[in-house]
C-alpha atoms as a PDB file:
ATOM      1  CA  MET A   1      16.408  -5.816   3.353  1.00  0.00           C
ATOM      2  CA  ILE A   2      17.695  -8.535   0.957  1.00  0.00           C
ATOM      3  CA  ALA A   3      16.343  -9.477  -2.658  1.00  0.00           C
ATOM      4  CA  ARG A   4      16.786 -12.919  -4.226  1.00  0.00           C
ATOM      5  CA  GLN A   5      16.311 -13.566  -8.178  1.00  0.00           C
ATOM      6  CA  VAL A   6      15.362 -16.263  -9.847  1.00  0.00           C
ATOM      7  CA  SER A   7      15.225 -16.635 -13.862  1.00  0.00           C
ATOM      8  CA  MET A   8      13.008 -19.062 -15.538  1.00  0.00           C
ATOM      9  CA  VAL A   9      12.644 -20.231 -18.933  1.00  0.00           C
ATOM     10  CA  LEU A  10       8.985 -20.854 -19.631  1.00  0.00           C
ATOM     11  CA  LYS A  11       6.983 -23.087 -22.034  1.00  0.00           C
ATOM     12  CA  ALA A  12       5.262 -20.490 -24.535  1.00  0.00           C
ATOM     13  CA  SER A  13       1.715 -19.404 -23.104  1.00  0.00           C
ATOM     14  CA  CYS A  14       2.103 -20.566 -19.912  1.00  0.00           C
ATOM     15  CA  THR A  15       1.696 -17.252 -18.428  1.00  0.00           C
ATOM     16  CA  ALA A  16      -2.042 -18.018 -16.855  1.00  0.00           C
ATOM     17  CA  GLN A  17      -0.281 -21.449 -15.039  1.00  0.00           C
ATOM     18  CA  ILE A  18       2.895 -20.017 -13.648  1.00  0.00           C
ATOM     19  CA  THR A  19       0.788 -17.082 -12.341  1.00  0.00           C
ATOM     20  CA  ARG A  20      -1.585 -19.782 -10.840  1.00  0.00           C
ATOM     21  CA  THR A  21       1.441 -22.023  -9.359  1.00  0.00           C
ATOM     22  CA  ILE A  22       2.938 -18.964  -8.096  1.00  0.00           C
ATOM     23  CA  LYS A  23      -0.217 -17.533  -6.336  1.00  0.00           C
ATOM     24  CA  ASN A  24      -1.421 -21.360  -4.757  1.00  0.00           C
ATOM     25  CA  GLU A  25       1.698 -22.776  -4.215  1.00  0.00           C
ATOM     26  CA  VAL A  26       4.760 -20.973  -4.124  1.00  0.00           C
ATOM     27  CA  ILE A  27       3.715 -17.917  -2.001  1.00  0.00           C
ATOM     28  CA  PRO A  28       2.113 -19.608   0.620  1.00  0.00           C
ATOM     29  CA  LEU A  29       5.353 -21.815   1.147  1.00  0.00           C
ATOM     30  CA  LEU A  30       7.439 -18.749   1.130  1.00  0.00           C
ATOM     31  CA  ARG A  31       5.074 -16.990   3.739  1.00  0.00           C
ATOM     32  CA  LYS A  32       5.847 -20.208   6.021  1.00  0.00           C
ATOM     33  CA  GLN A  33       9.971 -19.114   5.796  1.00  0.00           C
ATOM     34  CA  LYS A  34      11.123 -17.019   8.706  1.00  0.00           C
ATOM     35  CA  GLY A  35      12.369 -13.459   7.437  1.00  0.00           C
ATOM     36  CA  PHE A  36      10.207 -13.720   3.952  1.00  0.00           C
ATOM     37  CA  LYS A  37       8.966 -10.069   3.324  1.00  0.00           C
ATOM     38  CA  ASP A  38       7.187 -10.246  -0.329  1.00  0.00           C
ATOM     39  CA  GLU A  39       7.328 -11.266  -3.769  1.00  0.00           C
ATOM     40  CA  THR A  40       7.008 -10.341  -7.432  1.00  0.00           C
ATOM     41  CA  THR A  41       7.145 -11.878 -10.928  1.00  0.00           C
ATOM     42  CA  PHE A  42       7.716 -10.301 -14.031  1.00  0.00           C
ATOM     43  CA  VAL A  43       6.882 -11.982 -17.366  1.00  0.00           C
ATOM     44  CA  VAL A  44       7.968 -11.064 -20.988  1.00  0.00           C
ATOM     45  CA  PRO A  45       5.306  -9.910 -23.171  1.00  0.00           C
ATOM     46  CA  ASP A  46       5.840 -13.347 -25.106  1.00  0.00           C
ATOM     47  CA  GLY A  47       5.348 -15.399 -21.970  1.00  0.00           C
ATOM     48  CA  THR A  48       8.813 -17.075 -22.343  1.00  0.00           C
ATOM     49  CA  GLU A  49      10.374 -15.976 -19.863  1.00  0.00           C
ATOM     50  CA  ALA A  50       9.960 -14.617 -16.131  1.00  0.00           C
ATOM     51  CA  ILE A  51      11.945 -13.547 -13.182  1.00  0.00           C
ATOM     52  CA  GLY A  52      10.820 -13.838  -9.594  1.00  0.00           C
ATOM     53  CA  ILE A  53      12.328 -11.518  -6.935  1.00  0.00           C
ATOM     54  CA  THR A  54      11.736 -12.238  -3.407  1.00  0.00           C
ATOM     55  CA  LEU A  55      12.343  -9.643  -0.274  1.00  0.00           C
ATOM     56  CA  TRP A  56      13.817 -11.004   3.108  1.00  0.00           C
ATOM     57  CA  ASP A  57      15.022  -9.491   6.194  1.00  0.00           C
ATOM     58  CA  HIS A  58      18.130 -10.443   6.264  1.00  0.00           C
ATOM     59  CA  LEU A  59      21.203 -12.361   4.246  1.00  0.00           C
ATOM     60  CA  SER A  60      20.450 -15.840   6.107  1.00  0.00           C
ATOM     61  CA  ALA A  61      16.815 -15.692   5.793  1.00  0.00           C
ATOM     62  CA  GLY A  62      15.268 -17.701   2.784  1.00  0.00           C
ATOM     63  CA  ALA A  63      18.587 -19.805   2.471  1.00  0.00           C
ATOM     64  CA  GLY A  64      16.891 -23.005   2.798  1.00  0.00           C
ATOM     65  CA  THR A  65      15.673 -24.922  -0.015  1.00  0.00           C
ATOM     66  CA  SER A  66      14.063 -27.666   1.283  1.00  0.00           C
ATOM     67  CA  GLY A  67      10.434 -26.336   1.592  1.00  0.00           C
ATOM     68  CA  GLU A  68      10.401 -26.605   5.418  1.00  0.00           C
ATOM     69  CA  SER A  69       9.578 -23.541   7.726  1.00  0.00           C
ATOM     70  CA  SER A  70      12.449 -22.203   9.839  1.00  0.00           C
END
């Protein structure tokens, strides 16, 4: 299993918006990718930074950034 990390700098008070975007747009796209297993996001208490971690079957899974299914 492979984990990939994405760090994000957010505008203040965007926690609800980033949560909604990840749930409604990012996760559905990731689920279409071959080898995708799970995703979790951590947001700092003041809501200005977040880290997203995705889990994949193997190193080559999730390597594409085009958003197209493999």
